[in-house]
Protein backbone atom coordinates (compact mmCIF):
# COMPACT_ATOMS: atom_id res chain seq x y z
CA UNK A 1 -3.21 136.43 -33.67
CA UNK A 2 -5.90 134.64 -31.16
CA UNK A 3 -9.19 134.34 -31.65
CA UNK A 4 -11.65 132.85 -29.04
CA UNK A 5 -9.20 132.00 -26.08
CA UNK A 6 -7.08 129.96 -29.19
CA UNK A 7 -3.47 130.76 -30.39
CA UNK A 8 -3.18 130.69 -34.22
CA UNK A 9 0.26 130.39 -35.12
CA UNK A 10 0.00 130.24 -38.92
CA UNK A 11 1.18 133.80 -38.70
CA UNK A 12 4.96 134.77 -39.72
CA UNK A 13 7.47 132.44 -37.81
CA UNK A 14 9.98 135.41 -38.51
CA UNK A 15 8.05 137.81 -36.46
CA UNK A 16 7.54 134.78 -33.48
CA UNK A 17 11.52 134.29 -34.04
CA UNK A 18 12.41 138.52 -33.47
CA UNK A 19 10.47 138.51 -29.94
CA UNK A 20 12.29 135.67 -29.37
CA UNK A 21 15.48 137.85 -28.97
CA UNK A 22 16.41 139.43 -26.05
CA UNK A 23 14.17 137.43 -23.83
CA UNK A 24 15.51 135.10 -21.24
CA UNK A 25 12.69 132.41 -21.96
CA UNK A 26 9.51 132.50 -24.30
CA UNK A 27 7.37 133.57 -21.18
CA UNK A 28 5.07 135.79 -23.02
CA UNK A 29 2.11 133.39 -24.23
CA UNK A 30 0.75 135.02 -27.17
CA UNK A 31 3.98 134.42 -29.35
CA UNK A 32 6.07 132.09 -27.49
CA UNK A 33 3.36 129.40 -26.78
CA UNK A 34 4.05 125.87 -26.19
CA UNK A 35 3.62 124.95 -29.82
CA UNK A 36 5.38 126.58 -32.38
CA UNK A 37 3.30 125.37 -35.76
CA UNK A 38 -0.08 124.27 -33.81
CA UNK A 39 -3.15 125.76 -32.21
CA UNK A 40 -2.72 125.94 -27.83
CA UNK A 41 -5.78 126.84 -25.73
CA UNK A 42 -4.71 129.48 -23.41
CA UNK A 43 -4.57 128.59 -19.68
CA UNK A 44 -2.98 128.88 -16.58
CA UNK A 45 0.63 127.14 -15.57
CA UNK A 46 0.53 124.84 -12.16
CA UNK A 47 1.54 127.11 -9.85
CA UNK A 48 4.13 126.99 -7.13
CA UNK A 49 2.69 124.71 -4.12
CA UNK A 50 0.78 122.14 -6.55
CA UNK A 51 1.01 118.59 -6.11
CA UNK A 52 3.09 117.60 -9.13
CA UNK A 53 1.11 115.02 -11.49
CA UNK A 54 2.55 111.80 -11.99
CA UNK A 55 3.61 110.20 -15.14
CA UNK A 56 4.94 107.27 -16.77
CA UNK A 57 7.50 107.80 -20.04
CA UNK A 58 9.87 106.10 -21.93
CA UNK A 59 13.19 108.15 -22.67
CA UNK A 60 14.84 108.15 -25.76
CA UNK A 61 17.20 105.21 -24.90
CA UNK A 62 14.07 102.97 -24.26
CA UNK A 63 14.32 103.02 -20.78
CA UNK A 64 10.87 104.08 -18.58
CA UNK A 65 10.05 105.99 -15.94
CA UNK A 66 7.96 107.06 -13.29
CA UNK A 67 7.89 109.94 -11.16
CA UNK A 68 6.61 109.02 -8.54
CA UNK A 69 8.72 105.92 -8.15
CA UNK A 70 11.60 108.49 -7.87
CA UNK A 71 10.04 110.62 -5.41
CA UNK A 72 9.03 107.72 -3.17
CA UNK A 73 13.15 106.99 -3.40
CA UNK A 74 13.48 110.19 -1.76
CA UNK A 75 14.74 111.86 -4.79
CA UNK A 76 14.10 115.27 -5.71
CA UNK A 77 13.49 115.56 -9.18
CA UNK A 78 14.13 118.54 -11.68
CA UNK A 79 12.02 118.43 -14.38
CA UNK A 80 12.71 120.86 -17.54
CA UNK A 81 10.17 121.13 -20.33
CA UNK A 82 11.59 122.37 -23.38
CA UNK A 83 11.38 122.65 -27.38
CA UNK A 84 14.10 122.37 -29.88
CA UNK A 85 13.38 125.58 -31.32
CA UNK A 86 13.39 128.01 -29.02
CA UNK A 87 16.49 129.74 -28.92
CA UNK A 88 16.53 130.65 -24.89
CA UNK A 89 16.14 126.95 -24.00
CA UNK A 90 18.86 126.33 -26.43
CA UNK A 91 21.59 128.88 -24.79
CA UNK A 92 20.08 127.78 -21.71
CA UNK A 93 20.98 123.99 -22.66
CA UNK A 94 24.15 125.40 -23.38
CA UNK A 95 25.28 126.20 -19.93
CA UNK A 96 25.39 122.91 -18.89
CA UNK A 97 23.43 123.48 -15.77
CA UNK A 98 21.52 120.22 -15.55
CA UNK A 99 24.08 118.25 -16.90
CA UNK A 100 26.28 119.53 -13.95
CA UNK A 101 23.59 119.02 -11.59
CA UNK A 102 23.37 115.28 -12.54
CA UNK A 103 26.84 114.77 -12.51
CA UNK A 104 27.13 116.09 -8.86
CA UNK A 105 23.96 115.29 -7.74
CA UNK A 106 22.75 112.71 -9.53
CA UNK A 107 23.27 108.71 -9.61
CA UNK A 108 27.43 109.25 -9.97
CA UNK A 109 27.32 111.85 -7.46
CA UNK A 110 25.54 111.92 -4.21
CA UNK A 111 22.70 110.58 -5.30
CA UNK A 112 20.03 112.55 -4.02
CA UNK A 113 18.01 114.26 -7.20
CA UNK A 114 17.32 113.06 -10.70
CA UNK A 115 17.01 115.27 -13.90
CA UNK A 116 14.57 114.89 -16.73
CA UNK A 117 14.36 116.53 -19.99
CA UNK A 118 11.15 116.62 -21.61
CA UNK A 119 10.92 118.09 -25.39
CA UNK A 120 7.06 119.12 -25.43
CA UNK A 121 5.97 120.02 -28.82
CA UNK A 122 4.32 117.31 -30.26
CA UNK A 123 5.38 119.05 -34.34
CA UNK A 124 8.83 118.34 -33.94
CA UNK A 125 10.28 114.97 -34.43
CA UNK A 126 12.86 112.76 -32.51
CA UNK A 127 15.20 113.77 -35.15
CA UNK A 128 14.85 117.69 -33.83
CA UNK A 129 16.90 116.61 -30.66
CA UNK A 130 19.40 115.43 -32.50
CA UNK A 131 19.71 118.40 -34.36
CA UNK A 132 19.76 116.33 -37.45
CA UNK A 133 18.46 116.91 -40.79
CA UNK A 134 15.63 114.62 -40.76
CA UNK A 135 13.98 117.35 -38.26
CA UNK A 136 10.58 117.68 -39.33
CA UNK A 137 10.07 121.08 -37.91
CA UNK A 138 12.92 123.59 -36.35
CA UNK A 139 16.00 123.01 -33.97
CA UNK A 140 18.48 124.96 -32.58
CA UNK A 141 21.11 122.60 -32.42
CA UNK A 142 21.89 118.46 -30.69
CA UNK A 143 20.57 118.21 -27.39
CA UNK A 144 21.65 114.69 -26.85
CA UNK A 145 25.14 115.13 -27.56
CA UNK A 146 26.89 115.11 -23.78
CA UNK A 147 24.04 115.15 -22.30
CA UNK A 148 23.70 111.85 -19.80
CA UNK A 149 20.69 112.76 -17.87
CA UNK A 150 17.09 111.16 -19.25
CA UNK A 151 15.79 113.23 -22.47
CA UNK A 152 11.88 112.76 -23.43
CA UNK A 153 10.08 113.30 -26.43
CA UNK A 154 6.68 113.41 -25.19
CA UNK A 155 4.58 116.41 -25.58
CA UNK A 156 1.52 114.75 -23.29
CA UNK A 157 3.71 115.17 -20.17
CA UNK A 158 3.73 119.42 -21.03
CA UNK A 159 0.30 119.04 -21.83
CA UNK A 160 -0.16 117.11 -18.44
CA UNK A 161 1.91 120.21 -16.36
CA UNK A 162 -0.12 122.83 -18.55
CA UNK A 163 2.85 124.18 -19.89
CA UNK A 164 2.82 128.38 -21.47
CA UNK A 165 5.77 129.29 -22.07
CA UNK A 166 9.55 127.37 -22.70
CA UNK A 167 11.76 126.50 -21.30
CA UNK A 168 9.25 125.86 -18.05
CA UNK A 169 11.86 124.10 -15.12
CA UNK A 170 10.38 122.59 -12.01
CA UNK A 171 11.68 121.38 -8.85
CA UNK A 172 9.76 118.49 -7.61
CA UNK A 173 10.28 117.68 -4.35
CA UNK A 174 9.70 114.22 -2.38
CA UNK A 175 6.56 115.34 -0.96
CA UNK A 176 5.31 115.70 -4.46
CA UNK A 177 4.90 119.39 -4.24
CA UNK A 178 6.75 121.42 -7.23
CA UNK A 179 8.11 124.46 -7.30
CA UNK A 180 8.62 126.87 -10.27
CA UNK A 181 11.99 128.11 -11.30
CA UNK A 182 13.64 130.29 -13.55
CA UNK A 183 16.84 129.43 -15.43
CA UNK A 184 18.84 129.23 -12.51
CA UNK A 185 22.69 128.92 -12.28
CA UNK A 186 23.72 125.11 -11.49
CA UNK A 187 24.86 126.53 -7.37
CA UNK A 188 21.49 128.30 -7.40
CA UNK A 189 19.20 125.40 -8.44
CA UNK A 190 20.69 122.95 -5.91
CA UNK A 191 20.21 125.66 -3.13
CA UNK A 192 16.46 125.79 -4.11
CA UNK A 193 16.38 122.06 -4.47
CA UNK A 194 17.89 121.69 -1.19
CA UNK A 195 14.49 123.53 0.44
CA UNK A 196 12.93 120.17 -0.34
CA UNK A 197 11.76 118.34 2.44
CA UNK A 198 13.28 115.34 2.56
CA UNK A 199 12.48 111.80 4.71
CA UNK A 200 15.28 110.14 6.73
CA UNK A 201 15.57 107.55 9.43
CA UNK A 202 12.62 106.62 12.30
CA UNK A 203 12.58 109.59 13.81
CA UNK A 204 13.09 112.85 12.00
CA UNK A 205 11.43 116.32 12.23
CA UNK A 206 12.37 119.30 10.30
CA UNK A 207 10.94 123.26 10.03
CA UNK A 208 10.00 124.48 6.73
CA UNK A 209 8.66 127.29 5.08
CA UNK A 210 9.98 129.34 7.82
CA UNK A 211 8.85 133.05 7.92
CA UNK A 212 9.10 135.88 10.75
CA UNK A 213 6.10 137.61 8.87
CA UNK A 214 8.43 140.86 7.73
CA UNK A 215 10.51 140.68 4.75
CA UNK A 216 12.82 142.98 6.52
CA UNK A 217 16.61 142.40 8.19
CA UNK A 218 17.05 145.81 8.93
CA UNK A 219 16.10 147.51 12.40
CA UNK A 220 14.57 150.64 12.41
CA UNK A 221 12.83 152.26 15.66
CA UNK A 222 11.10 148.72 16.45
CA UNK A 223 10.73 146.06 13.70
CA UNK A 224 7.86 143.24 14.42
CA UNK A 225 8.35 139.92 13.71
CA UNK A 226 6.13 136.91 14.01
CA UNK A 227 7.94 133.70 13.39
CA UNK A 228 6.26 130.79 11.85
CA UNK A 229 6.80 127.48 9.89
CA UNK A 230 5.41 124.19 8.92
CA UNK A 231 6.76 121.49 11.33
CA UNK A 232 7.18 118.61 9.16
CA UNK A 233 7.51 114.82 9.84
CA UNK A 234 10.59 113.39 7.57
CA UNK A 235 10.66 110.19 9.95
CA UNK A 236 9.14 106.77 8.83
CA UNK A 237 7.50 106.66 12.38
CA UNK A 238 4.44 109.38 13.34
CA UNK A 239 5.55 112.64 14.52
CA UNK A 240 3.47 112.88 18.06
CA UNK A 241 5.56 115.31 20.05
CA UNK A 242 8.25 118.16 19.89
CA UNK A 243 9.58 121.02 21.80
CA UNK A 244 10.15 123.85 19.82
CA UNK A 245 11.95 127.05 21.12
CA UNK A 246 12.16 130.49 19.80
CA UNK A 247 15.76 131.69 21.06
CA UNK A 248 16.80 135.46 20.02
CA UNK A 249 21.16 136.35 20.31
CA UNK A 250 20.95 132.12 22.19
CA UNK A 251 18.70 132.95 24.70
CA UNK A 252 15.23 130.95 24.78
CA UNK A 253 12.26 133.73 24.46
CA UNK A 254 9.28 131.37 23.97
CA UNK A 255 8.95 127.36 24.39
CA UNK A 256 5.80 125.70 22.69
CA UNK A 257 5.13 122.00 23.53
CA UNK A 258 3.29 120.44 20.64
CA UNK A 259 1.59 117.44 20.51
CA UNK A 260 -0.06 115.72 17.26
CA UNK A 261 0.00 112.92 15.00
CA UNK A 262 1.75 113.78 11.67
CA UNK A 263 2.40 110.46 9.13
CA UNK A 264 5.26 110.48 6.98
CA UNK A 265 5.79 113.86 5.47
CA UNK A 266 2.63 115.49 7.43
CA UNK A 267 2.74 119.08 8.13
CA UNK A 268 1.23 120.96 11.42
CA UNK A 269 1.85 125.03 11.50
CA UNK A 270 3.17 126.65 14.49
CA UNK A 271 3.34 130.29 14.94
CA UNK A 272 5.33 132.35 18.03
CA UNK A 273 4.12 135.02 19.70
CA UNK A 274 5.32 138.38 18.48
CA UNK A 275 9.02 139.30 18.87
CA UNK A 276 10.12 142.94 18.73
CA UNK A 277 13.30 143.58 18.03
CA UNK A 278 15.23 146.89 18.55
CA UNK A 279 18.67 145.85 19.05
CA UNK A 280 21.03 143.76 16.22
CA UNK A 281 21.43 140.18 17.01
CA UNK A 282 19.61 136.86 15.87
CA UNK A 283 16.22 134.69 15.56
CA UNK A 284 16.21 131.37 15.65
CA UNK A 285 13.63 128.69 15.46
CA UNK A 286 15.00 125.39 16.98
CA UNK A 287 13.17 122.15 17.32
CA UNK A 288 14.67 120.62 20.85
CA UNK A 289 13.12 117.52 21.16
CA UNK A 290 10.79 115.21 19.51
CA UNK A 291 9.19 112.09 20.29
CA UNK A 292 9.80 112.12 23.84
CA UNK A 293 13.12 111.57 23.56
CA UNK A 294 13.71 110.04 20.68
CA UNK A 295 16.81 110.67 18.36
CA UNK A 296 16.68 112.72 15.45
CA UNK A 297 17.68 110.99 12.55
CA UNK A 298 18.49 114.61 10.66
CA UNK A 299 19.29 117.39 12.80
CA UNK A 300 20.22 119.87 10.07
CA UNK A 301 16.82 121.13 9.07
CA UNK A 302 15.76 121.30 12.84
CA UNK A 303 16.80 124.98 13.15
CA UNK A 304 16.14 128.29 11.03
CA UNK A 305 18.51 131.55 11.77
CA UNK A 306 17.53 134.58 10.70
CA UNK A 307 20.04 137.88 11.34
CA UNK A 308 19.43 141.52 11.83
CA UNK A 309 21.22 144.56 11.81
CA UNK A 310 20.40 148.37 12.60
CA UNK A 311 18.95 149.88 9.58
CA UNK A 312 21.37 152.61 7.93
CA UNK A 313 20.30 156.33 8.37
CA UNK A 314 20.43 159.00 5.70
CA UNK A 315 20.61 162.31 6.89
CA UNK A 316 18.50 163.75 4.25
CA UNK A 317 14.75 163.58 2.97
CA UNK A 318 15.50 163.70 -0.47
CA UNK A 319 17.17 160.68 -1.96
CA UNK A 320 18.86 159.74 -5.19
CA UNK A 321 18.34 156.15 -6.36
CA UNK A 322 20.29 155.30 -9.34
CA UNK A 323 19.63 151.97 -10.85
CA UNK A 324 21.17 150.12 -13.93
CA UNK A 325 18.98 147.23 -15.33
CA UNK A 326 20.82 144.04 -16.85
CA UNK A 327 20.04 142.72 -20.01
CA UNK A 328 16.06 142.58 -19.36
CA UNK A 329 15.59 145.69 -18.13
CA UNK A 330 11.49 144.56 -18.28
CA UNK A 331 11.80 142.38 -15.67
CA UNK A 332 12.41 144.97 -12.72
CA UNK A 333 9.63 146.23 -10.21
CA UNK A 334 10.96 148.87 -7.11
CA UNK A 335 8.91 150.53 -4.52
CA UNK A 336 9.70 152.74 -1.56
CA UNK A 337 7.42 152.27 1.50
CA UNK A 338 7.19 153.70 4.61
CA UNK A 339 6.34 152.48 7.58
CA UNK A 340 3.20 151.40 7.32
CA UNK A 341 3.58 149.73 3.97
CA UNK A 342 2.41 152.57 2.15
CA UNK A 343 3.85 152.74 -1.32
CA UNK A 344 5.50 156.42 -1.67
CA UNK A 345 7.48 155.75 -4.78
CA UNK A 346 7.60 153.27 -7.85
CA UNK A 347 9.22 152.63 -10.71
CA UNK A 348 9.65 149.98 -13.47
CA UNK A 349 7.43 147.27 -15.38
CA UNK A 350 4.05 147.42 -13.11
CA UNK A 351 2.64 144.47 -14.59
CA UNK A 352 5.19 142.74 -12.81
CA UNK A 353 4.51 144.96 -9.78
CA UNK A 354 5.43 144.24 -5.99
CA UNK A 355 4.68 140.27 -6.04
CA UNK A 356 5.71 139.47 -9.71
CA UNK A 357 9.12 137.76 -8.77
CA UNK A 358 9.62 134.45 -10.24
CA UNK A 359 6.78 134.97 -12.33
CA UNK A 360 8.63 135.04 -15.61
CA UNK A 361 6.14 137.19 -17.31
CA UNK A 362 7.03 140.46 -18.30
CA UNK A 363 7.88 141.83 -22.12
CA UNK A 364 9.42 145.29 -22.79
CA UNK A 365 6.19 146.52 -24.01
CA UNK A 366 4.51 146.50 -20.44
CA UNK A 367 3.73 149.99 -18.99
CA UNK A 368 6.94 151.47 -17.80
CA UNK A 369 9.20 148.85 -18.20
CA UNK A 370 12.62 149.66 -18.59
CA UNK A 371 15.40 149.31 -21.19
CA UNK A 372 18.29 146.64 -21.33
CA UNK A 373 21.50 147.87 -19.47
CA UNK A 374 20.11 151.22 -19.04
CA UNK A 375 20.56 153.61 -16.18
CA UNK A 376 17.61 155.08 -14.05
CA UNK A 377 18.24 157.86 -11.80
CA UNK A 378 15.27 158.69 -9.53
CA UNK A 379 14.78 161.40 -7.07
CA UNK A 380 13.06 160.06 -4.24
CA UNK A 381 10.95 162.95 -1.53
CA UNK A 382 10.54 161.61 1.58
CA UNK A 383 8.08 163.06 3.83
CA UNK A 384 10.18 163.21 7.14
CA UNK A 385 12.18 161.51 9.27
CA UNK A 386 11.09 157.86 9.81
CA UNK A 387 11.61 154.41 8.41
CA UNK A 388 11.21 153.20 5.54
CA UNK A 389 12.16 150.36 3.24
CA UNK A 390 13.54 149.66 -0.58
CA UNK A 391 11.80 146.78 -2.21
CA UNK A 392 12.95 145.49 -5.35
CA UNK A 393 11.98 142.63 -7.87
CA UNK A 394 12.71 140.62 -10.58
CA UNK A 395 10.08 139.13 -12.94
CA UNK A 396 12.87 136.00 -13.64
CA UNK A 397 13.89 135.24 -10.42
CA UNK A 398 17.90 135.85 -10.90
CA UNK A 399 18.13 139.81 -9.66
CA UNK A 400 19.99 142.10 -12.02
CA UNK A 401 23.06 141.07 -11.32
CA UNK A 402 25.47 139.04 -12.14
CA UNK A 403 24.56 136.11 -14.68
CA UNK A 404 22.67 138.60 -17.07
CA UNK A 405 25.26 141.82 -16.90
CA UNK A 406 25.86 143.97 -14.15
CA UNK A 407 22.96 145.96 -12.67
CA UNK A 408 22.38 147.10 -9.34
CA UNK A 409 20.71 149.78 -7.23
CA UNK A 410 22.12 152.49 -5.16
CA UNK A 411 20.84 154.82 -2.87
CA UNK A 412 22.66 158.04 -1.54
CA UNK A 413 21.41 161.34 -0.36
CA UNK A 414 20.83 163.51 -3.39
CA UNK A 415 23.00 166.42 -1.41
CA UNK A 416 26.05 163.67 -2.02
CA UNK A 417 25.43 161.02 -4.86
CA UNK A 418 29.11 159.79 -3.54
CA UNK A 419 28.00 158.35 -0.39
CA UNK A 420 26.31 155.48 -1.39
CA UNK A 421 24.09 154.52 1.81
CA UNK A 422 22.13 151.56 0.40
CA UNK A 423 23.18 149.43 -2.50
CA UNK A 424 22.65 145.97 -3.70
CA UNK A 425 21.70 143.43 -6.99
CA UNK A 426 22.33 140.17 -6.53
CA UNK A 427 19.08 138.69 -5.32
CA UNK A 428 16.80 136.29 -6.81
CA UNK A 429 13.02 137.11 -7.29
CA UNK A 430 12.80 139.73 -4.28
CA UNK A 431 15.25 142.33 -1.96
CA UNK A 432 13.64 144.22 0.77
CA UNK A 433 15.90 146.70 2.37
CA UNK A 434 14.88 148.48 5.28
CA UNK A 435 16.38 152.48 6.41
CA UNK A 436 16.06 155.24 8.07
CA UNK A 437 15.93 159.28 7.83
CA UNK A 438 17.09 161.76 10.91
CA UNK A 439 16.34 165.00 9.22
CA UNK A 440 13.62 167.01 10.48
CA UNK A 441 13.85 170.69 9.22
CA UNK A 442 10.40 172.19 10.10
CA UNK A 443 9.16 176.18 9.94
CA UNK A 444 11.38 178.16 7.73
CA UNK A 445 13.12 179.01 4.50
CA UNK A 446 16.49 177.01 4.24
CA UNK A 447 18.51 180.39 4.96
CA UNK A 448 16.99 180.86 8.48
CA UNK A 449 17.69 177.20 9.49
CA UNK A 450 20.67 176.48 11.92
CA UNK A 451 23.32 174.96 9.88
CA UNK A 452 22.19 170.79 10.27
CA UNK A 453 25.59 170.01 11.70
CA UNK A 454 24.13 168.02 14.65
CA UNK A 455 26.29 164.68 15.06
CA UNK A 456 25.66 161.64 17.49
CA UNK A 457 28.13 159.03 18.41
CA UNK A 458 28.49 156.10 18.61
CA UNK A 459 25.10 155.03 17.30
CA UNK A 460 24.08 152.46 19.02
CA UNK A 461 25.41 154.12 22.34
CA UNK A 462 26.29 151.75 25.57
CA UNK A 463 26.91 153.86 28.56
CA UNK A 464 27.96 157.04 26.84
CA UNK A 465 26.81 159.52 24.01
CA UNK A 466 28.60 162.28 22.44
CA UNK A 467 27.07 165.00 20.88
CA UNK A 468 28.69 167.66 18.62
CA UNK A 469 26.59 170.67 17.41
CA UNK A 470 27.77 173.62 15.14
CA UNK A 471 26.50 176.88 16.84
CA UNK A 472 26.58 180.03 15.36
CA UNK A 473 27.27 182.64 17.86
CA UNK A 474 23.90 185.19 16.97
CA UNK A 475 21.86 182.37 17.71
CA UNK A 476 20.18 180.85 20.83
CA UNK A 477 19.39 176.85 20.92
CA UNK A 478 17.69 174.68 22.96
CA UNK A 479 18.98 170.80 23.09
CA UNK A 480 16.16 168.00 23.91
CA UNK A 481 16.92 164.31 23.81
CA UNK A 482 13.02 162.45 23.91
CA UNK A 483 12.06 158.56 23.55
CA UNK A 484 9.36 157.24 21.19
CA UNK A 485 7.12 157.91 23.70
CA UNK A 486 7.71 161.85 23.41
CA UNK A 487 8.75 162.18 26.86
CA UNK A 488 11.83 164.59 27.10
CA UNK A 489 14.86 162.76 28.93
CA UNK A 490 17.20 165.72 28.72
CA UNK A 491 16.70 169.44 28.00
CA UNK A 492 18.66 172.33 28.53
CA UNK A 493 20.09 175.86 26.76
CA UNK A 494 23.15 175.05 24.73
CA UNK A 495 26.76 176.38 25.82
CA UNK A 496 29.06 174.28 24.50
CA UNK A 497 29.57 172.34 21.24
CA UNK A 498 30.70 169.25 22.78
CA UNK A 499 28.31 167.30 24.75
CA UNK A 500 28.65 164.24 27.03
CA UNK A 501 25.39 162.20 28.43
CA UNK A 502 25.26 159.30 30.53
CA UNK A 503 23.21 156.48 28.99
CA UNK A 504 23.95 153.57 31.35
CA UNK A 505 20.22 153.72 32.64
CA UNK A 506 18.53 154.13 29.88
CA UNK A 507 16.47 151.23 28.13
CA UNK A 508 17.65 150.12 25.54
CA UNK A 509 15.67 151.33 22.15
CA UNK A 510 15.56 153.98 19.83
CA UNK A 511 15.86 157.82 20.94
CA UNK A 512 15.70 161.35 19.31
CA UNK A 513 18.28 164.45 19.96
CA UNK A 514 16.91 167.67 19.07
CA UNK A 515 17.96 171.26 18.55
CA UNK A 516 15.31 174.34 18.39
CA UNK A 517 16.38 177.53 17.35
CA UNK A 518 13.45 179.74 16.50
CA UNK A 519 11.00 178.34 14.61
CA UNK A 520 13.81 175.74 13.13
CA UNK A 521 14.60 172.22 14.38
CA UNK A 522 16.68 169.74 13.41
CA UNK A 523 16.54 166.42 14.77
CA UNK A 524 18.88 162.86 14.46
CA UNK A 525 17.71 159.70 15.60
CA UNK A 526 19.92 157.35 17.57
CA UNK A 527 19.73 153.75 19.35
CA UNK A 528 20.78 152.77 22.86
CA UNK A 529 22.03 149.40 22.97
CA UNK A 530 23.65 147.53 26.26
């Protein structure tokens, strides 16, 4: 079908239409290119973070619009580039997402954004937008009826944005940067749009592109974070000074005295020192002052918060993963990694891979691709007690629940599938979850190992730790507690099934309780938090 990098679309239209079925977008180029009845040179679409090309165009009602003029008015622009013949485009149009955004946030709403809809196929005429008999090519229906936002019949815009699939949807921020998004509902689209920096007032600074340098929010042993962000000037006056704090559970841990000279929408990278976490809590990056005491016109973007919890634990190193896909199973990929980031297990569409979330590029024929609405069961064999993470990716950026099915993932011990320790499914492009395992059985066969009845509670402990051990009368046991450095803090021969240990003077952190019987050893990880 392709020769010398040029798409030849004189093949059977029925083949193309059959490929459309079961795909949210025409996201695979060889069959769903920009032009249905004309050649298209293969190219790469503008990536997220690019500067949006400016254009001036006339809508179907004769009104001219200039993109940069809208951005210079501090409006966020949602640009949808579509084709009248594309079934997924028509299906998305009928969700009324763009119309709802226009009504809530357009000129008659809070006036914070504009929606621009572009029919990008030069082989179709204006009648195709109206679903009229005069359509010279193909149309799914009337795109104009009930639509009050601007509509353009202008393939030059599609060419300017180097479109490789329909529909292509961009959020364009007032700083002229664009972000590619999938077919989100209006709530998620507006949430994504609010990540745009928007100028306001004379003095105004904001925190954008914030990251902790770890996707995990569950603490197993020690979670190392490296908070950083872009300090952005959103005020008419240059930003010359800022006091920037890093807080942990409302206590100031670090303060950065920043100085410089940022014009409107100017950016400066800010990075804190490493902040290791071993107890639950909240990181907060905060702009405490700007421009030597000036009043910040908008405090809503002056801080970013991240909440951290203790990682859930499995009492086994052999886990059961149950994963149900949504109606687009080929968009899913997952991994299990160890604490060093090594991939131990993986599954799903290998073409999507760990970085393919939101790429919109996936196909049912890709290697490893799952079927639609399929139930996948996979046994995960972990090497031993320690910290691990589960990563799941959706190529279209809308998770596996709940717009296109009721997909989910569930992790449980293989020996007790009813005990679901980790679960989810409603995410966008990525979900990253941390967890631990505390089983450590070494040396002999299972029949020679003491029953794994070692219970440690509460976990985390405060001032008093309770230990329960199920003992066999004819066996000798040694009980130890040691820290992450391997230093033994408690050691005794067991004479009781219930033990209480005073931990009031122990430093907060991770510890291990251990039973030894002959060559067999069982350990449990626990935390102390004051």
